[in-house]
Amino acid sequence: MTNDQPQFKIIIFGKPGCDKCAVLEKRVDSLLTQKKWRDFSKVKFDLESEDGLVEFCSLECLNPQRVPAFVI
């Protein structure tokens, strides 16, 4: 992996129209503009989609009653 490619992923799980989800995503976006976070990238999953639910369930460590959620 080269130095200009992020090493880590912040995976966000949320739903469309969720105000708390939008706040979390905005905060992560703000962090990722800072140089000290250059090793991180963001991936977003919609919990109202099949792909989002499969990814969420495969982690087996997130509380489904707590949305939005994220893992690194």
PDB file of N, CA and C in Angstrom:
ATOM      1  N   MET A   1       0.830  -1.176   0.000  1.00  0.00           N
ATOM      2  CA  MET A   1       0.000   0.000   0.000  1.00  0.00           C
ATOM      3  C   MET A   1       0.878   1.244   0.000  1.00  0.00           C
ATOM      4  N   THR A   2       0.565   2.199  -0.850  1.00  0.00           N
ATOM      5  CA  THR A   2       1.364   3.412  -0.905  1.00  0.00           C
ATOM      6  C   THR A   2       0.947   4.372   0.190  1.00  0.00           C
ATOM      7  N   ASN A   3       1.788   5.376   0.439  1.00  0.00           N
ATOM      8  CA  ASN A   3       1.528   6.333   1.510  1.00  0.00           C
ATOM      9  C   ASN A   3       0.300   7.191   1.275  1.00  0.00           C
ATOM     10  N   ASP A   4      -0.125   7.369   0.026  1.00  0.00           N
ATOM     11  CA  ASP A   4      -1.257   8.248  -0.236  1.00  0.00           C
ATOM     12  C   ASP A   4      -2.595   7.514  -0.212  1.00  0.00           C
ATOM     13  N   GLN A   5      -2.598   6.213   0.032  1.00  0.00           N
ATOM     14  CA  GLN A   5      -3.840   5.457   0.132  1.00  0.00           C
ATOM     15  C   GLN A   5      -4.183   5.242   1.603  1.00  0.00           C
ATOM     16  N   PRO A   6      -5.444   5.481   1.985  1.00  0.00           N
ATOM     17  CA  PRO A   6      -5.836   5.264   3.382  1.00  0.00           C
ATOM     18  C   PRO A   6      -5.660   3.806   3.782  1.00  0.00           C
ATOM     19  N   GLN A   7      -5.168   3.612   4.984  1.00  0.00           N
ATOM     20  CA  GLN A   7      -4.930   2.283   5.532  1.00  0.00           C
ATOM     21  C   GLN A   7      -6.151   1.742   6.250  1.00  0.00           C
ATOM     22  N   PHE A   8      -6.951   2.636   6.817  1.00  0.00           N
ATOM     23  CA  PHE A   8      -8.070   2.242   7.661  1.00  0.00           C
ATOM     24  C   PHE A   8      -9.379   2.755   7.072  1.00  0.00           C
ATOM     25  N   LYS A   9     -10.465   2.038   7.368  1.00  0.00           N
ATOM     26  CA  LYS A   9     -11.787   2.455   6.913  1.00  0.00           C
ATOM     27  C   LYS A   9     -12.680   2.729   8.115  1.00  0.00           C
ATOM     28  N   ILE A  10     -13.386   3.818   8.067  1.00  0.00           N
ATOM     29  CA  ILE A  10     -14.442   4.102   9.022  1.00  0.00           C
ATOM     30  C   ILE A  10     -15.731   3.692   8.322  1.00  0.00           C
ATOM     31  N   ILE A  11     -16.356   2.648   8.814  1.00  0.00           N
ATOM     32  CA  ILE A  11     -17.566   2.128   8.184  1.00  0.00           C
ATOM     33  C   ILE A  11     -18.768   2.644   8.974  1.00  0.00           C
ATOM     34  N   ILE A  12     -19.608   3.413   8.293  1.00  0.00           N
ATOM     35  CA  ILE A  12     -20.771   4.022   8.918  1.00  0.00           C
ATOM     36  C   ILE A  12     -22.034   3.298   8.463  1.00  0.00           C
ATOM     37  N   PHE A  13     -22.907   3.011   9.414  1.00  0.00           N
ATOM     38  CA  PHE A  13     -24.203   2.412   9.133  1.00  0.00           C
ATOM     39  C   PHE A  13     -25.281   3.406   9.530  1.00  0.00           C
ATOM     40  N   GLY A  14     -26.163   3.704   8.592  1.00  0.00           N
ATOM     41  CA  GLY A  14     -27.225   4.651   8.870  1.00  0.00           C
ATOM     42  C   GLY A  14     -28.419   4.428   7.970  1.00  0.00           C
ATOM     43  N   LYS A  15     -29.376   5.344   8.081  1.00  0.00           N
ATOM     44  CA  LYS A  15     -30.596   5.260   7.283  1.00  0.00           C
ATOM     45  C   LYS A  15     -30.871   6.615   6.639  1.00  0.00           C
ATOM     46  N   PRO A  16     -31.478   6.604   5.460  1.00  0.00           N
ATOM     47  CA  PRO A  16     -31.856   7.869   4.820  1.00  0.00           C
ATOM     48  C   PRO A  16     -32.861   8.629   5.689  1.00  0.00           C
ATOM     49  N   GLY A  17     -32.698   9.925   5.754  1.00  0.00           N
ATOM     50  CA  GLY A  17     -33.625  10.756   6.514  1.00  0.00           C
ATOM     51  C   GLY A  17     -33.375  10.785   8.007  1.00  0.00           C
ATOM     52  N   CYS A  18     -32.353  10.104   8.470  1.00  0.00           N
ATOM     53  CA  CYS A  18     -32.020  10.055   9.899  1.00  0.00           C
ATOM     54  C   CYS A  18     -31.110  11.242  10.231  1.00  0.00           C
ATOM     55  N   ASP A  19     -31.609  12.146  11.087  1.00  0.00           N
ATOM     56  CA  ASP A  19     -30.827  13.336  11.450  1.00  0.00           C
ATOM     57  C   ASP A  19     -29.536  12.973  12.181  1.00  0.00           C
ATOM     58  N   LYS A  20     -29.599  12.001  13.077  1.00  0.00           N
ATOM     59  CA  LYS A  20     -28.399  11.591  13.820  1.00  0.00           C
ATOM     60  C   LYS A  20     -27.359  10.980  12.885  1.00  0.00           C
ATOM     61  N   CYS A  21     -27.842  10.250  11.880  1.00  0.00           N
ATOM     62  CA  CYS A  21     -26.936   9.659  10.892  1.00  0.00           C
ATOM     63  C   CYS A  21     -26.216  10.760  10.110  1.00  0.00           C
ATOM     64  N   ALA A  22     -26.959  11.787   9.745  1.00  0.00           N
ATOM     65  CA  ALA A  22     -26.380  12.907   8.995  1.00  0.00           C
ATOM     66  C   ALA A  22     -25.336  13.643   9.833  1.00  0.00           C
ATOM     67  N   VAL A  23     -25.600  13.803  11.125  1.00  0.00           N
ATOM     68  CA  VAL A  23     -24.641  14.476  12.016  1.00  0.00           C
ATOM     69  C   VAL A  23     -23.360  13.658  12.119  1.00  0.00           C
ATOM     70  N   LEU A  24     -23.481  12.355  12.315  1.00  0.00           N
ATOM     71  CA  LEU A  24     -22.295  11.494  12.398  1.00  0.00           C
ATOM     72  C   LEU A  24     -21.478  11.577  11.120  1.00  0.00           C
ATOM     73  N   GLU A  25     -22.146  11.483   9.986  1.00  0.00           N
ATOM     74  CA  GLU A  25     -21.425  11.526   8.716  1.00  0.00           C
ATOM     75  C   GLU A  25     -20.721  12.872   8.518  1.00  0.00           C
ATOM     76  N   LYS A  26     -21.382  13.947   8.901  1.00  0.00           N
ATOM     77  CA  LYS A  26     -20.777  15.280   8.782  1.00  0.00           C
ATOM     78  C   LYS A  26     -19.543  15.395   9.681  1.00  0.00           C
ATOM     79  N   ARG A  27     -19.626  14.862  10.882  1.00  0.00           N
ATOM     80  CA  ARG A  27     -18.478  14.912  11.802  1.00  0.00           C
ATOM     81  C   ARG A  27     -17.302  14.097  11.262  1.00  0.00           C
ATOM     82  N   VAL A  28     -17.590  12.921  10.736  1.00  0.00           N
ATOM     83  CA  VAL A  28     -16.523  12.097  10.163  1.00  0.00           C
ATOM     84  C   VAL A  28     -15.913  12.799   8.953  1.00  0.00           C
ATOM     85  N   ASP A  29     -16.748  13.361   8.079  1.00  0.00           N
ATOM     86  CA  ASP A  29     -16.242  14.099   6.916  1.00  0.00           C
ATOM     87  C   ASP A  29     -15.321  15.235   7.347  1.00  0.00           C
ATOM     88  N   SER A  30     -15.702  15.927   8.421  1.00  0.00           N
ATOM     89  CA  SER A  30     -14.887  17.026   8.931  1.00  0.00           C
ATOM     90  C   SER A  30     -13.529  16.523   9.420  1.00  0.00           C
ATOM     91  N   LEU A  31     -13.527  15.416  10.144  1.00  0.00           N
ATOM     92  CA  LEU A  31     -12.266  14.836  10.617  1.00  0.00           C
ATOM     93  C   LEU A  31     -11.364  14.436   9.458  1.00  0.00           C
ATOM     94  N   LEU A  32     -11.972  13.855   8.434  1.00  0.00           N
ATOM     95  CA  LEU A  32     -11.179  13.332   7.319  1.00  0.00           C
ATOM     96  C   LEU A  32     -10.532  14.424   6.473  1.00  0.00           C
ATOM     97  N   THR A  33     -10.898  15.676   6.685  1.00  0.00           N
ATOM     98  CA  THR A  33     -10.227  16.768   5.978  1.00  0.00           C
ATOM     99  C   THR A  33      -8.908  17.144   6.656  1.00  0.00           C
ATOM    100  N   GLN A  34      -8.710  16.667   7.877  1.00  0.00           N
ATOM    101  CA  GLN A  34      -7.505  16.996   8.635  1.00  0.00           C
ATOM    102  C   GLN A  34      -6.372  16.030   8.291  1.00  0.00           C
ATOM    103  N   LYS A  35      -5.188  16.584   8.221  1.00  0.00           N
ATOM    104  CA  LYS A  35      -4.009  15.805   7.825  1.00  0.00           C
ATOM    105  C   LYS A  35      -3.768  14.596   8.734  1.00  0.00           C
ATOM    106  N   LYS A  36      -4.035  14.753  10.028  1.00  0.00           N
ATOM    107  CA  LYS A  36      -3.743  13.648  10.954  1.00  0.00           C
ATOM    108  C   LYS A  36      -4.670  12.446  10.744  1.00  0.00           C
ATOM    109  N   TRP A  37      -5.733  12.610   9.978  1.00  0.00           N
ATOM    110  CA  TRP A  37      -6.663  11.519   9.681  1.00  0.00           C
ATOM    111  C   TRP A  37      -6.483  10.989   8.257  1.00  0.00           C
ATOM    112  N   ARG A  38      -5.370  11.296   7.614  1.00  0.00           N
ATOM    113  CA  ARG A  38      -5.181  10.921   6.210  1.00  0.00           C
ATOM    114  C   ARG A  38      -5.100   9.410   5.990  1.00  0.00           C
ATOM    115  N   ASP A  39      -4.863   8.638   7.050  1.00  0.00           N
ATOM    116  CA  ASP A  39      -4.804   7.180   6.926  1.00  0.00           C
ATOM    117  C   ASP A  39      -6.191   6.526   6.972  1.00  0.00           C
ATOM    118  N   PHE A  40      -7.243   7.350   7.058  1.00  0.00           N
ATOM    119  CA  PHE A  40      -8.600   6.844   7.177  1.00  0.00           C
ATOM    120  C   PHE A  40      -9.439   7.259   5.967  1.00  0.00           C
ATOM    121  N   SER A  41     -10.340   6.368   5.574  1.00  0.00           N
ATOM    122  CA  SER A  41     -11.335   6.695   4.558  1.00  0.00           C
ATOM    123  C   SER A  41     -12.704   6.310   5.114  1.00  0.00           C
ATOM    124  N   LYS A  42     -13.743   6.778   4.463  1.00  0.00           N
ATOM    125  CA  LYS A  42     -15.107   6.521   4.928  1.00  0.00           C
ATOM    126  C   LYS A  42     -15.845   5.627   3.941  1.00  0.00           C
ATOM    127  N   VAL A  43     -16.574   4.663   4.496  1.00  0.00           N
ATOM    128  CA  VAL A  43     -17.473   3.820   3.722  1.00  0.00           C
ATOM    129  C   VAL A  43     -18.824   3.904   4.412  1.00  0.00           C
ATOM    130  N   LYS A  44     -19.885   4.090   3.643  1.00  0.00           N
ATOM    131  CA  LYS A  44     -21.216   4.253   4.216  1.00  0.00           C
ATOM    132  C   LYS A  44     -22.132   3.138   3.729  1.00  0.00           C
ATOM    133  N   PHE A  45     -22.907   2.563   4.655  1.00  0.00           N
ATOM    134  CA  PHE A  45     -23.892   1.548   4.314  1.00  0.00           C
ATOM    135  C   PHE A  45     -25.271   2.003   4.761  1.00  0.00           C
ATOM    136  N   ASP A  46     -26.239   1.817   3.898  1.00  0.00           N
ATOM    137  CA  ASP A  46     -27.638   2.132   4.159  1.00  0.00           C
ATOM    138  C   ASP A  46     -28.290   0.899   4.773  1.00  0.00           C
ATOM    139  N   LEU A  47     -28.788   1.045   5.995  1.00  0.00           N
ATOM    140  CA  LEU A  47     -29.405  -0.087   6.680  1.00  0.00           C
ATOM    141  C   LEU A  47     -30.769  -0.456   6.110  1.00  0.00           C
ATOM    142  N   GLU A  48     -31.264   0.336   5.192  1.00  0.00           N
ATOM    143  CA  GLU A  48     -32.524  -0.008   4.539  1.00  0.00           C
ATOM    144  C   GLU A  48     -32.288  -0.759   3.230  1.00  0.00           C
ATOM    145  N   SER A  49     -31.030  -1.088   2.969  1.00  0.00           N
ATOM    146  CA  SER A  49     -30.702  -1.878   1.769  1.00  0.00           C
ATOM    147  C   SER A  49     -30.239  -3.267   2.198  1.00  0.00           C
ATOM    148  N   GLU A  50     -30.363  -4.210   1.294  1.00  0.00           N
ATOM    149  CA  GLU A  50     -29.921  -5.573   1.591  1.00  0.00           C
ATOM    150  C   GLU A  50     -28.422  -5.613   1.860  1.00  0.00           C
ATOM    151  N   ASP A  51     -27.639  -4.932   1.038  1.00  0.00           N
ATOM    152  CA  ASP A  51     -26.186  -4.920   1.229  1.00  0.00           C
ATOM    153  C   ASP A  51     -25.807  -4.327   2.588  1.00  0.00           C
ATOM    154  N   GLY A  52     -26.482  -3.244   2.963  1.00  0.00           N
ATOM    155  CA  GLY A  52     -26.208  -2.614   4.247  1.00  0.00           C
ATOM    156  C   GLY A  52     -26.524  -3.516   5.419  1.00  0.00           C
ATOM    157  N   LEU A  53     -27.665  -4.212   5.341  1.00  0.00           N
ATOM    158  CA  LEU A  53     -28.048  -5.125   6.413  1.00  0.00           C
ATOM    159  C   LEU A  53     -27.106  -6.316   6.515  1.00  0.00           C
ATOM    160  N   VAL A  54     -26.704  -6.850   5.388  1.00  0.00           N
ATOM    161  CA  VAL A  54     -25.783  -7.993   5.397  1.00  0.00           C
ATOM    162  C   VAL A  54     -24.454  -7.583   6.025  1.00  0.00           C
ATOM    163  N   GLU A  55     -23.930  -6.451   5.623  1.00  0.00           N
ATOM    164  CA  GLU A  55     -22.657  -5.970   6.178  1.00  0.00           C
ATOM    165  C   GLU A  55     -22.784  -5.726   7.681  1.00  0.00           C
ATOM    166  N   PHE A  56     -23.872  -5.091   8.090  1.00  0.00           N
ATOM    167  CA  PHE A  56     -24.123  -4.791   9.502  1.00  0.00           C
ATOM    168  C   PHE A  56     -24.181  -6.084  10.321  1.00  0.00           C
ATOM    169  N   CYS A  57     -24.941  -7.056   9.855  1.00  0.00           N
ATOM    170  CA  CYS A  57     -25.095  -8.323  10.574  1.00  0.00           C
ATOM    171  C   CYS A  57     -23.800  -9.129  10.602  1.00  0.00           C
ATOM    172  N   SER A  58     -23.002  -9.016   9.564  1.00  0.00           N
ATOM    173  CA  SER A  58     -21.763  -9.797   9.510  1.00  0.00           C
ATOM    174  C   SER A  58     -20.758  -9.363  10.574  1.00  0.00           C
ATOM    175  N   LEU A  59     -20.884  -8.150  11.071  1.00  0.00           N
ATOM    176  CA  LEU A  59     -19.958  -7.686  12.104  1.00  0.00           C
ATOM    177  C   LEU A  59     -20.240  -8.325  13.457  1.00  0.00           C
ATOM    178  N   GLU A  60     -21.506  -8.620  13.729  1.00  0.00           N
ATOM    179  CA  GLU A  60     -21.915  -9.290  14.964  1.00  0.00           C
ATOM    180  C   GLU A  60     -21.457  -8.585  16.234  1.00  0.00           C
ATOM    181  N   CYS A  61     -21.165  -7.305  16.159  1.00  0.00           N
ATOM    182  CA  CYS A  61     -20.693  -6.614  17.354  1.00  0.00           C
ATOM    183  C   CYS A  61     -21.409  -5.292  17.582  1.00  0.00           C
ATOM    184  N   LEU A  62     -22.323  -4.928  16.685  1.00  0.00           N
ATOM    185  CA  LEU A  62     -23.024  -3.662  16.821  1.00  0.00           C
ATOM    186  C   LEU A  62     -24.438  -3.890  17.324  1.00  0.00           C
ATOM    187  N   ASN A  63     -24.897  -3.015  18.170  1.00  0.00           N
ATOM    188  CA  ASN A  63     -26.246  -3.084  18.711  1.00  0.00           C
ATOM    189  C   ASN A  63     -27.211  -2.527  17.670  1.00  0.00           C
ATOM    190  N   PRO A  64     -28.117  -3.336  17.148  1.00  0.00           N
ATOM    191  CA  PRO A  64     -29.033  -2.850  16.111  1.00  0.00           C
ATOM    192  C   PRO A  64     -30.014  -1.799  16.609  1.00  0.00           C
ATOM    193  N   GLN A  65     -30.089  -1.601  17.916  1.00  0.00           N
ATOM    194  CA  GLN A  65     -30.952  -0.558  18.452  1.00  0.00           C
ATOM    195  C   GLN A  65     -30.235   0.784  18.520  1.00  0.00           C
ATOM    196  N   ARG A  66     -28.973   0.787  18.151  1.00  0.00           N
ATOM    197  CA  ARG A  66     -28.144   2.001  18.205  1.00  0.00           C
ATOM    198  C   ARG A  66     -27.744   2.420  16.789  1.00  0.00           C
ATOM    199  N   VAL A  67     -28.549   3.240  16.192  1.00  0.00           N
ATOM    200  CA  VAL A  67     -28.258   3.737  14.842  1.00  0.00           C
ATOM    201  C   VAL A  67     -28.228   5.252  14.913  1.00  0.00           C
ATOM    202  N   PRO A  68     -27.225   5.901  14.381  1.00  0.00           N
ATOM    203  CA  PRO A  68     -26.185   5.362  13.519  1.00  0.00           C
ATOM    204  C   PRO A  68     -25.127   4.607  14.328  1.00  0.00           C
ATOM    205  N   ALA A  69     -24.350   3.844  13.601  1.00  0.00           N
ATOM    206  CA  ALA A  69     -23.254   3.090  14.209  1.00  0.00           C
ATOM    207  C   ALA A  69     -22.050   3.171  13.283  1.00  0.00           C
ATOM    208  N   PHE A  70     -20.871   2.982  13.859  1.00  0.00           N
ATOM    209  CA  PHE A  70     -19.673   2.929  13.018  1.00  0.00           C
ATOM    210  C   PHE A  70     -18.631   2.015  13.638  1.00  0.00           C
ATOM    211  N   VAL A  71     -17.791   1.499  12.806  1.00  0.00           N
ATOM    212  CA  VAL A  71     -16.640   0.696  13.223  1.00  0.00           C
ATOM    213  C   VAL A  71     -15.437   1.141  12.422  1.00  0.00           C
ATOM    214  N   ILE A  72     -14.276   0.873  12.943  1.00  0.00           N
ATOM    215  CA  ILE A  72     -13.035   1.190  12.215  1.00  0.00           C
ATOM    216  C   ILE A  72     -12.307  -0.113  11.989  1.00  0.00           C
TER     217      ILE A  72
END
